[in-house]
């Protein structure tokens, strides 16, 4: 009986050994399989990539074979945010390390990279605040560690700068061509950077949250500043751009609270959304001729910004572009501007005057809301709708000139404009939204069009000085 059971077990083992390679051959590219704590995905070459790990090992040796299938790659974010990992030994046979593979593994202190590793994606160790020791085989032809900093030989890229290095200046070696994405991610130990002229590209988030960085000189070959490149560099006070820079990415300088001086090169044609958001110390900026669009929230919360110089050719001012710029007193918009987005100047409490160009056909909701120092406004003829809340809370505004062809005044459009004494609403207006003139406490007279079709029930609420208002009950739509 025992001999029979033993023989049966041997047959099962042999059968499994024969079937596993056959199963591997049958798995097509993109197929997902699980082995222990590893989730893997088949690749075009018949090998597999680890795409997720759920284990709790402190000292992890990453295998090069699972269930008879060769593992040659670690996928993007495969081990990210694993709080258990302390040391990782990547075995010989692994060739590719995906983008942000070990991102935010807070207790990771040591990583061994094999000689077979050929390609490393966007900083695989971004946010690994305890990692100081990366060991690379001397025989690896593609990677090298110098003074604890990881470089790629193939594309001459600085991949990873450890957060634990001594605080102070750092000089990037001559010959480096690329400062990789997230290379100095949250490295608050760097105070000054010297970048060689050999560098021609800076990746997105390259210096993200380098909160101690005070000084940096960009080399002449730089043409693009990537998204979030200097976001959160709170000690950075000034920056001179090379002449070849043509674009600045989204949030590139967001939260650079001490940035005072910024001279943009004449070749620049594109500034991304939120690029200078919360640059609270910046007092002035001149936009070059090539700029046609100011994107969403580009200068939001630049509380010290007093002067903005714009050039003819600018057509679009995006949503929230200058919102909460509390020191901005005067704006001269070029005649080419034809669009002012929602919240564009919302909360600009010091803004006393602004010209809205004749070409402008859109003034967005909340565009000038809470501009408490704005005294007057002339709305151009091309505007046919005053959008909701456009001028809400403009308590100093006493003069409003509306276009003759205006058709609609939105809800709360002029609510709380406490200095307005009289309003002449053009004959073309058919709709006046609810609360449009509510809380206009100085309003004494309103001229309404004969063909008015609809009025909100609270359009003139809390207007104690308003006299001789006709009966509008037939026009009110509840």
Protein backbone atom coordinates (compact mmCIF):
# COMPACT_ATOMS: atom_id res chain seq x y z
CA UNK A 1 0.00 0.00 0.00
CA UNK A 2 2.74 2.49 0.98
CA UNK A 3 4.72 1.63 -2.14
CA UNK A 4 1.60 2.32 -4.22
CA UNK A 5 1.09 5.75 -2.61
CA UNK A 6 4.76 6.62 -3.07
CA UNK A 7 4.61 5.63 -6.72
CA UNK A 8 1.49 7.77 -7.18
CA UNK A 9 3.20 10.82 -5.62
CA UNK A 10 6.19 10.40 -7.91
CA UNK A 11 3.86 10.31 -10.92
CA UNK A 12 2.11 13.49 -9.75
CA UNK A 13 5.42 15.32 -9.31
CA UNK A 14 6.63 14.24 -12.74
CA UNK A 15 3.33 15.24 -14.32
CA UNK A 16 3.51 18.71 -12.74
CA UNK A 17 7.09 19.12 -13.94
CA UNK A 18 5.93 18.33 -17.47
CA UNK A 19 2.82 20.51 -17.35
CA UNK A 20 4.33 23.74 -15.94
CA UNK A 21 6.49 24.54 -18.99
CA UNK A 22 3.53 23.70 -21.19
CA UNK A 23 1.34 26.14 -19.21
CA UNK A 24 4.00 28.83 -19.48
CA UNK A 25 4.10 28.37 -23.24
CA UNK A 26 0.31 28.69 -23.44
CA UNK A 27 0.17 31.97 -21.45
CA UNK A 28 -0.08 34.87 -23.86
CA UNK A 29 1.41 38.33 -23.51
CA UNK A 30 -0.53 40.32 -20.92
CA UNK A 31 -1.71 37.27 -18.98
CA UNK A 32 -1.71 37.70 -15.20
CA UNK A 33 -0.73 34.99 -12.75
CA UNK A 34 -0.02 34.82 -9.01
CA UNK A 35 2.72 32.90 -7.26
CA UNK A 36 2.92 33.26 -3.49
CA UNK A 37 3.08 36.97 -2.65
CA UNK A 38 3.93 37.94 -6.24
CA UNK A 39 1.54 38.99 -8.99
CA UNK A 40 3.11 38.76 -12.43
CA UNK A 41 2.32 39.64 -16.02
CA UNK A 42 3.53 37.83 -19.10
CA UNK A 43 5.54 39.86 -21.63
CA UNK A 44 5.94 39.55 -25.39
CA UNK A 45 9.23 37.66 -25.08
CA UNK A 46 7.71 34.83 -23.03
CA UNK A 47 9.22 36.07 -19.77
CA UNK A 48 7.29 37.69 -16.95
CA UNK A 49 7.32 40.95 -14.98
CA UNK A 50 6.45 41.27 -11.29
CA UNK A 51 3.70 43.88 -11.09
CA UNK A 52 2.76 43.64 -7.40
CA UNK A 53 4.09 42.22 -4.13
CA UNK A 54 1.96 41.67 -1.00
CA UNK A 55 4.48 40.07 1.33
CA UNK A 56 5.83 41.36 4.66
CA UNK A 57 9.47 40.29 4.44
CA UNK A 58 11.99 42.68 5.96
CA UNK A 59 14.92 41.15 4.06
CA UNK A 60 13.70 40.32 0.58
CA UNK A 61 15.47 38.41 -2.16
CA UNK A 62 13.60 38.91 -5.41
CA UNK A 63 13.47 35.67 -7.46
CA UNK A 64 14.26 35.26 -11.15
CA UNK A 65 11.88 32.35 -11.63
CA UNK A 66 8.33 31.69 -10.44
CA UNK A 67 6.34 28.56 -11.33
CA UNK A 68 8.86 27.70 -14.01
CA UNK A 69 8.52 31.11 -15.68
CA UNK A 70 11.55 33.38 -16.01
CA UNK A 71 11.25 36.77 -14.30
CA UNK A 72 13.24 39.52 -16.03
CA UNK A 73 11.51 42.75 -14.97
CA UNK A 74 10.04 44.54 -11.96
CA UNK A 75 7.07 46.62 -13.03
CA UNK A 76 6.19 50.27 -12.28
CA UNK A 77 5.27 50.84 -8.63
CA UNK A 78 5.39 47.06 -7.99
CA UNK A 79 6.77 47.38 -4.44
CA UNK A 80 5.72 50.94 -3.64
CA UNK A 81 4.75 52.01 -0.11
CA UNK A 82 5.81 48.68 1.43
CA UNK A 83 6.55 49.58 5.05
CA UNK A 84 8.13 46.21 5.91
CA UNK A 85 11.05 46.23 3.46
CA UNK A 86 14.46 46.97 4.96
CA UNK A 87 16.84 45.32 2.50
CA UNK A 88 16.26 44.15 -1.05
CA UNK A 89 18.52 41.85 -3.07
CA UNK A 90 17.56 41.79 -6.74
CA UNK A 91 18.92 38.57 -8.23
CA UNK A 92 21.03 38.21 -11.36
CA UNK A 93 18.71 37.80 -14.33
CA UNK A 94 16.51 40.85 -13.69
CA UNK A 95 17.02 43.28 -16.59
CA UNK A 96 14.48 46.04 -16.11
CA UNK A 97 13.37 48.16 -13.15
CA UNK A 98 10.08 50.01 -13.74
CA UNK A 99 9.16 53.61 -12.96
CA UNK A 100 8.88 54.34 -9.21
CA UNK A 101 9.24 50.62 -8.47
CA UNK A 102 10.07 51.05 -4.76
CA UNK A 103 8.65 54.55 -4.30
CA UNK A 104 7.91 55.55 -0.70
CA UNK A 105 9.22 52.43 1.02
CA UNK A 106 10.01 54.37 4.21
CA UNK A 107 12.18 51.78 5.97
CA UNK A 108 14.22 50.58 3.00
CA UNK A 109 17.91 51.06 3.79
CA UNK A 110 19.81 48.88 1.29
CA UNK A 111 19.30 47.68 -2.27
CA UNK A 112 21.55 45.37 -4.29
CA UNK A 113 21.29 45.70 -8.08
CA UNK A 114 22.53 42.86 -10.31
CA UNK A 115 25.00 43.09 -13.17
CA UNK A 116 22.23 42.01 -15.56
CA UNK A 117 20.17 45.13 -14.90
CA UNK A 118 20.08 47.15 -18.13
CA UNK A 119 17.29 49.66 -17.82
CA UNK A 120 16.09 51.72 -14.85
CA UNK A 121 12.93 53.80 -15.24
CA UNK A 122 11.94 57.01 -13.50
CA UNK A 123 13.53 57.15 -10.06
CA UNK A 124 12.56 53.76 -8.59
CA UNK A 125 13.51 54.93 -5.08
CA UNK A 126 11.71 58.30 -4.92
CA UNK A 127 10.61 59.06 -1.39
CA UNK A 128 12.66 56.23 0.20
CA UNK A 129 13.77 58.49 3.01
CA UNK A 130 15.97 55.91 4.79
CA UNK A 131 17.78 54.56 1.71
CA UNK A 132 21.48 55.41 1.71
CA UNK A 133 23.15 52.29 0.37
CA UNK A 134 22.68 51.19 -3.24
CA UNK A 135 25.08 48.43 -4.25
CA UNK A 136 25.76 47.96 -7.96
CA UNK A 137 27.94 45.22 -9.38
CA UNK A 138 31.25 46.53 -10.72
CA UNK A 139 30.58 44.44 -13.81
CA UNK A 140 27.33 46.23 -14.63
CA UNK A 141 27.91 48.07 -17.93
CA UNK A 142 24.82 50.23 -17.59
CA UNK A 143 24.79 51.59 -14.02
CA UNK A 144 27.24 53.15 -11.59
CA UNK A 145 27.09 54.58 -8.07
CA UNK A 146 29.31 57.56 -7.31
CA UNK A 147 29.33 59.11 -3.84
CA UNK A 148 26.08 57.25 -3.08
CA UNK A 149 24.36 58.77 -6.14
CA UNK A 150 22.98 56.39 -8.78
CA UNK A 151 23.67 57.12 -12.46
CA UNK A 152 22.78 55.46 -15.76
CA UNK A 153 25.73 55.14 -18.11
CA UNK A 154 23.56 54.46 -21.15
CA UNK A 155 21.81 57.84 -21.28
CA UNK A 156 24.13 59.67 -18.86
CA UNK A 157 21.28 60.27 -16.45
CA UNK A 158 21.32 61.07 -12.75
CA UNK A 159 18.69 58.63 -11.46
CA UNK A 160 18.67 58.93 -7.68
CA UNK A 161 20.14 61.26 -5.07
CA UNK A 162 19.70 59.93 -1.48
CA UNK A 163 17.83 62.08 0.98
CA UNK A 164 20.22 61.01 3.77
CA UNK A 165 23.36 62.60 2.30
CA UNK A 166 24.97 65.38 4.34
CA UNK A 167 23.28 68.75 4.07
CA UNK A 168 25.01 71.25 1.83
CA UNK A 169 25.94 71.97 -1.79
CA UNK A 170 26.21 69.30 -4.46
CA UNK A 171 28.07 69.44 -7.76
CA UNK A 172 26.66 67.21 -10.47
CA UNK A 173 29.52 65.52 -12.35
CA UNK A 174 30.45 66.89 -15.75
CA UNK A 175 29.19 64.66 -18.54
CA UNK A 176 25.74 64.07 -17.06
CA UNK A 177 23.17 64.94 -19.74
CA UNK A 178 19.87 64.35 -17.95
CA UNK A 179 18.66 65.05 -14.43
CA UNK A 180 16.03 62.36 -14.27
CA UNK A 181 12.44 62.58 -13.15
CA UNK A 182 12.19 62.82 -9.35
CA UNK A 183 15.98 62.52 -9.09
CA UNK A 184 16.14 64.81 -6.00
CA UNK A 185 12.60 64.07 -4.84
CA UNK A 186 12.02 65.58 -1.35
CA UNK A 187 15.77 65.95 -0.76
CA UNK A 188 15.63 68.69 1.84
CA UNK A 189 19.36 68.21 2.50
CA UNK A 190 20.48 70.00 -0.68
CA UNK A 191 21.13 73.73 -0.22
CA UNK A 192 22.94 74.55 -3.46
CA UNK A 193 23.33 72.84 -6.80
CA UNK A 194 25.97 73.29 -9.45
CA UNK A 195 24.81 71.86 -12.76
CA UNK A 196 27.37 71.35 -15.55
CA UNK A 197 26.85 72.66 -19.07
CA UNK A 198 26.57 69.06 -20.28
CA UNK A 199 23.04 68.82 -18.83
CA UNK A 200 20.38 69.45 -21.48
CA UNK A 201 17.21 68.09 -19.83
CA UNK A 202 15.55 68.28 -16.41
CA UNK A 203 12.80 65.74 -15.78
CA UNK A 204 9.45 66.26 -14.09
CA UNK A 205 9.60 66.56 -10.28
CA UNK A 206 13.40 66.61 -10.52
CA UNK A 207 13.74 68.91 -7.47
CA UNK A 208 10.28 68.41 -6.00
CA UNK A 209 10.08 69.59 -2.36
CA UNK A 210 13.79 70.36 -2.08
CA UNK A 211 12.82 72.72 0.70
CA UNK A 212 16.38 73.84 1.58
CA UNK A 213 17.53 74.61 -1.97
CA UNK A 214 18.53 78.28 -2.09
CA UNK A 215 20.61 78.57 -5.23
CA UNK A 216 20.71 76.93 -8.64
CA UNK A 217 22.09 77.99 -12.02
CA UNK A 218 20.54 76.33 -15.06
CA UNK A 219 22.90 75.40 -17.92
CA UNK A 220 22.51 76.99 -21.38
CA UNK A 221 21.21 73.88 -23.19
CA UNK A 222 18.06 73.58 -21.09
CA UNK A 223 14.97 74.24 -23.22
CA UNK A 224 12.17 72.79 -21.08
CA UNK A 225 11.37 72.96 -17.38
CA UNK A 226 9.31 69.86 -16.59
CA UNK A 227 6.12 69.59 -14.56
CA UNK A 228 6.67 70.05 -10.78
CA UNK A 229 10.40 70.46 -11.45
CA UNK A 230 10.95 72.96 -8.58
CA UNK A 231 7.61 72.67 -6.83
CA UNK A 232 7.97 73.20 -3.08
CA UNK A 233 11.49 74.68 -3.22
CA UNK A 234 10.53 77.15 -0.52
CA UNK A 235 13.99 78.68 0.00
CA UNK A 236 14.69 79.39 -3.66
CA UNK A 237 14.87 83.18 -4.01
CA UNK A 238 15.89 83.83 -7.60
CA UNK A 239 16.31 81.98 -10.85
CA UNK A 240 17.70 82.99 -14.22
CA UNK A 241 16.45 81.02 -17.16
CA UNK A 242 18.71 80.14 -20.09
CA UNK A 243 17.77 81.87 -23.35
CA UNK A 244 16.74 78.57 -24.97
CA UNK A 245 13.89 77.78 -22.56
CA UNK A 246 10.64 77.63 -24.52
CA UNK A 247 8.25 75.99 -22.05
CA UNK A 248 7.58 75.73 -18.32
CA UNK A 249 5.58 72.72 -17.16
CA UNK A 250 2.56 72.49 -14.87
CA UNK A 251 3.24 73.42 -11.24
CA UNK A 252 6.94 73.88 -12.09
CA UNK A 253 7.44 76.54 -9.36
CA UNK A 254 4.33 76.02 -7.25
CA UNK A 255 4.85 76.83 -3.54
CA UNK A 256 8.23 78.51 -4.11
CA UNK A 257 7.21 80.91 -1.36
CA UNK A 258 10.45 82.94 -1.30
CA UNK A 259 10.95 83.29 -5.04
CA UNK A 260 11.28 87.04 -5.60
CA UNK A 261 13.04 87.45 -8.92
CA UNK A 262 12.08 85.62 -12.08
CA UNK A 263 13.06 86.76 -15.55
CA UNK A 264 11.45 84.77 -18.33
CA UNK A 265 13.38 84.42 -21.63
CA UNK A 266 11.94 85.91 -24.80
CA UNK A 267 11.70 82.52 -26.54
CA UNK A 268 9.23 81.10 -24.07
CA UNK A 269 5.84 80.26 -25.59
CA UNK A 270 4.18 78.00 -23.03
CA UNK A 271 3.56 78.24 -19.28
CA UNK A 272 1.71 75.32 -17.68
CA UNK A 273 -1.22 75.44 -15.29
CA UNK A 274 -0.39 76.42 -11.70
CA UNK A 275 3.23 77.03 -12.74
CA UNK A 276 3.74 79.86 -10.20
CA UNK A 277 0.91 79.16 -7.79
CA UNK A 278 1.61 80.41 -4.26
CA UNK A 279 4.87 82.17 -5.14
CA UNK A 280 3.99 84.48 -2.30
CA UNK A 281 7.09 86.72 -2.50
CA UNK A 282 7.09 87.42 -6.25
CA UNK A 283 6.36 91.12 -6.85
CA UNK A 284 6.45 91.48 -10.61
CA UNK A 285 6.60 89.46 -13.79
CA UNK A 286 6.89 90.24 -17.47
CA UNK A 287 5.36 87.80 -19.92
CA UNK A 288 7.20 87.55 -23.28
CA UNK A 289 5.56 88.14 -26.65
CA UNK A 290 5.21 84.44 -27.48
CA UNK A 291 2.79 83.79 -24.63
CA UNK A 292 -0.75 83.50 -26.00
CA UNK A 293 -2.34 81.71 -23.04
CA UNK A 294 -2.20 82.10 -19.28
CA UNK A 295 -3.38 78.76 -17.96
CA UNK A 296 -5.51 77.69 -15.04
CA UNK A 297 -4.35 79.04 -11.65
CA UNK A 298 -0.97 80.07 -13.09
CA UNK A 299 -0.44 82.91 -10.55
CA UNK A 300 -3.03 81.99 -7.89
CA UNK A 301 -2.06 83.10 -4.36
CA UNK A 302 0.87 85.24 -5.50
CA UNK A 303 -0.01 87.59 -2.67
CA UNK A 304 2.87 90.06 -3.21
CA UNK A 305 2.42 90.37 -6.98
CA UNK A 306 1.97 94.06 -7.80
CA UNK A 307 2.83 94.32 -11.48
CA UNK A 308 2.17 92.07 -14.47
CA UNK A 309 3.32 93.10 -17.94
CA UNK A 310 1.56 91.39 -20.82
CA UNK A 311 2.27 91.63 -24.54
CA UNK A 312 -0.03 91.98 -27.52
CA UNK A 313 -0.88 88.50 -28.80
CA UNK A 314 -2.15 87.17 -25.48
CA UNK A 315 -5.69 85.91 -26.09
CA UNK A 316 -6.67 83.65 -23.20
CA UNK A 317 -6.66 84.22 -19.42
CA UNK A 318 -7.56 80.93 -17.79
CA UNK A 319 -9.66 80.04 -14.77
CA UNK A 320 -8.21 81.38 -11.54
CA UNK A 321 -5.15 82.77 -13.35
CA UNK A 322 -4.66 85.65 -10.88
CA UNK A 323 -7.08 84.71 -8.11
CA UNK A 324 -6.10 85.78 -4.58
CA UNK A 325 -3.35 88.12 -5.85
CA UNK A 326 -4.04 90.48 -2.98
CA UNK A 327 -1.45 93.16 -3.89
CA UNK A 328 -2.38 93.58 -7.55
CA UNK A 329 -3.69 97.15 -8.01
CA UNK A 330 -3.88 97.68 -11.75
CA UNK A 331 -4.10 95.45 -14.80
CA UNK A 332 -3.50 96.51 -18.39
CA UNK A 333 -4.83 93.75 -20.61
CA UNK A 334 -3.68 93.66 -24.25
CA UNK A 335 -6.35 94.37 -26.86
CA UNK A 336 -5.86 90.81 -28.17
CA UNK A 337 -7.45 89.21 -25.07
CA UNK A 338 -10.77 87.64 -26.02
CA UNK A 339 -11.42 85.29 -23.08
CA UNK A 340 -11.34 85.80 -19.31
CA UNK A 341 -11.99 82.57 -17.45
CA UNK A 342 -13.91 81.84 -14.28
CA UNK A 343 -12.33 83.14 -11.04
CA UNK A 344 -9.60 84.81 -13.13
CA UNK A 345 -9.27 87.77 -10.71
CA UNK A 346 -11.35 86.45 -7.83
CA UNK A 347 -10.18 87.83 -4.49
CA UNK A 348 -7.87 90.49 -5.94
CA UNK A 349 -8.85 92.79 -3.09
CA UNK A 350 -6.48 95.65 -4.07
CA UNK A 351 -7.40 95.75 -7.77
CA UNK A 352 -8.66 99.27 -8.47
CA UNK A 353 -8.80 99.33 -12.25
CA UNK A 354 -8.74 96.96 -15.20
CA UNK A 355 -9.59 97.34 -18.87
CA UNK A 356 -11.61 94.61 -20.53
CA UNK A 357 -10.63 94.66 -24.25
CA UNK A 358 -13.26 95.17 -26.95
CA UNK A 359 -12.49 91.75 -28.43
CA UNK A 360 -13.38 89.95 -25.22
CA UNK A 361 -16.50 87.83 -25.59
CA UNK A 362 -16.40 85.87 -22.32
CA UNK A 363 -16.12 86.92 -18.69
CA UNK A 364 -16.39 83.77 -16.61
CA UNK A 365 -18.28 83.07 -13.40
CA UNK A 366 -16.63 84.65 -10.34
CA UNK A 367 -14.15 86.37 -12.70
CA UNK A 368 -14.01 89.56 -10.57
CA UNK A 369 -15.76 88.29 -7.46
CA UNK A 370 -14.56 89.92 -4.20
CA UNK A 371 -12.51 92.56 -6.01
CA UNK A 372 -13.40 94.93 -3.20
CA UNK A 373 -11.35 97.90 -4.50
CA UNK A 374 -12.56 97.81 -8.11
CA UNK A 375 -14.35 101.10 -8.80
CA UNK A 376 -15.75 100.72 -12.30
CA UNK A 377 -16.01 98.32 -15.21
CA UNK A 378 -17.01 98.60 -18.85
CA UNK A 379 -18.16 95.31 -20.30
CA UNK A 380 -17.45 95.02 -24.04
CA UNK A 381 -20.14 94.72 -26.72
CA UNK A 382 -19.27 91.12 -27.60
CA UNK A 383 -20.35 89.85 -24.19
CA UNK A 384 -23.97 88.66 -24.33
CA UNK A 385 -24.13 87.04 -20.87
CA UNK A 386 -22.98 88.20 -17.46
CA UNK A 387 -22.12 84.88 -15.86
CA UNK A 388 -23.11 83.94 -12.30
CA UNK A 389 -21.22 85.64 -9.45
CA UNK A 390 -19.01 87.56 -11.93
CA UNK A 391 -18.86 90.75 -9.81
CA UNK A 392 -20.21 89.54 -6.49
CA UNK A 393 -18.83 91.48 -3.53
CA UNK A 394 -17.27 94.33 -5.53
CA UNK A 395 -18.17 96.74 -2.74
CA UNK A 396 -16.38 99.79 -4.21
CA UNK A 397 -17.75 99.51 -7.72
CA UNK A 398 -20.02 102.46 -8.41
CA UNK A 399 -20.09 102.47 -12.23
CA UNK A 400 -21.01 99.58 -14.50
CA UNK A 401 -21.44 99.98 -18.24
CA UNK A 402 -23.35 97.10 -19.79
CA UNK A 403 -23.33 96.30 -23.55
CA UNK A 404 -26.46 97.14 -25.57
CA UNK A 405 -26.83 93.58 -26.88
CA UNK A 406 -26.59 91.93 -23.47
CA UNK A 407 -29.19 89.16 -23.18
CA UNK A 408 -28.80 87.65 -19.70
CA UNK A 409 -27.54 88.60 -16.23
CA UNK A 410 -26.70 85.51 -14.18
CA UNK A 411 -27.48 84.65 -10.57
CA UNK A 412 -25.65 86.70 -7.93
CA UNK A 413 -23.84 88.56 -10.74
CA UNK A 414 -23.69 91.93 -8.92
CA UNK A 415 -24.80 90.86 -5.45
CA UNK A 416 -23.16 92.81 -2.65
CA UNK A 417 -22.01 95.68 -4.89
CA UNK A 418 -22.87 98.14 -2.14
CA UNK A 419 -21.70 101.31 -3.94
CA UNK A 420 -23.96 101.04 -6.99
CA UNK A 421 -26.66 103.74 -6.93
CA UNK A 422 -28.35 103.21 -10.27
CA UNK A 423 -28.54 100.56 -12.96
CA UNK A 424 -29.73 100.89 -16.53
CA UNK A 425 -30.29 97.43 -17.88
CA UNK A 426 -30.21 97.26 -21.72
CA UNK A 427 -33.39 96.55 -23.66
CA UNK A 428 -32.01 93.29 -25.08
CA UNK A 429 -31.83 91.65 -21.65
CA UNK A 430 -34.44 88.91 -21.30
CA UNK A 431 -33.31 87.12 -18.11
CA UNK A 432 -32.10 88.45 -14.77
CA UNK A 433 -31.00 85.66 -12.45
CA UNK A 434 -31.89 85.23 -8.81
CA UNK A 435 -30.03 87.47 -6.33
CA UNK A 436 -28.39 89.27 -9.28
CA UNK A 437 -28.57 92.64 -7.43
CA UNK A 438 -29.25 91.44 -3.91
CA UNK A 439 -27.55 93.29 -1.04
CA UNK A 440 -26.83 96.34 -3.22
CA UNK A 441 -27.62 98.60 -0.29
CA UNK A 442 -27.01 101.91 -2.10
CA UNK A 443 -29.07 101.02 -5.15
CA UNK A 444 -31.78 103.66 -5.60
CA UNK A 445 -33.05 103.16 -9.15
CA UNK A 446 -33.18 100.47 -11.81
CA UNK A 447 -34.30 100.82 -15.41
CA UNK A 448 -35.69 97.53 -16.67
CA UNK A 449 -36.29 96.51 -20.31
CA UNK A 450 -39.85 96.31 -21.60
CA UNK A 451 -39.41 92.81 -22.97
CA UNK A 452 -37.95 91.26 -19.84
CA UNK A 453 -39.06 87.62 -19.66
CA UNK A 454 -37.74 86.25 -16.37
CA UNK A 455 -36.59 87.59 -12.99
CA UNK A 456 -35.51 85.61 -9.93
CA UNK A 457 -37.67 85.90 -6.80
CA UNK A 458 -34.79 87.38 -4.78
CA UNK A 459 -33.16 89.46 -7.52
CA UNK A 460 -33.44 92.73 -5.56
CA UNK A 461 -33.45 91.38 -1.98
CA UNK A 462 -31.91 93.60 0.71
CA UNK A 463 -31.88 96.74 -1.44
CA UNK A 464 -33.42 99.09 1.17
CA UNK A 465 -33.02 102.28 -0.89
CA UNK A 466 -34.48 100.97 -4.12
CA UNK A 467 -37.59 102.94 -5.11
CA UNK A 468 -40.27 102.69 -7.77
CA UNK A 469 -39.55 99.09 -8.69
CA UNK A 470 -42.40 97.84 -10.89
CA UNK A 471 -44.43 94.75 -10.06
CA UNK A 472 -42.40 91.79 -11.34
CA UNK A 473 -44.57 89.00 -9.98
CA UNK A 474 -45.63 87.85 -13.45
CA UNK A 475 -41.98 87.37 -14.46
CA UNK A 476 -40.83 85.47 -11.40
CA UNK A 477 -40.12 81.78 -11.92
CA UNK A 478 -39.91 79.92 -8.64
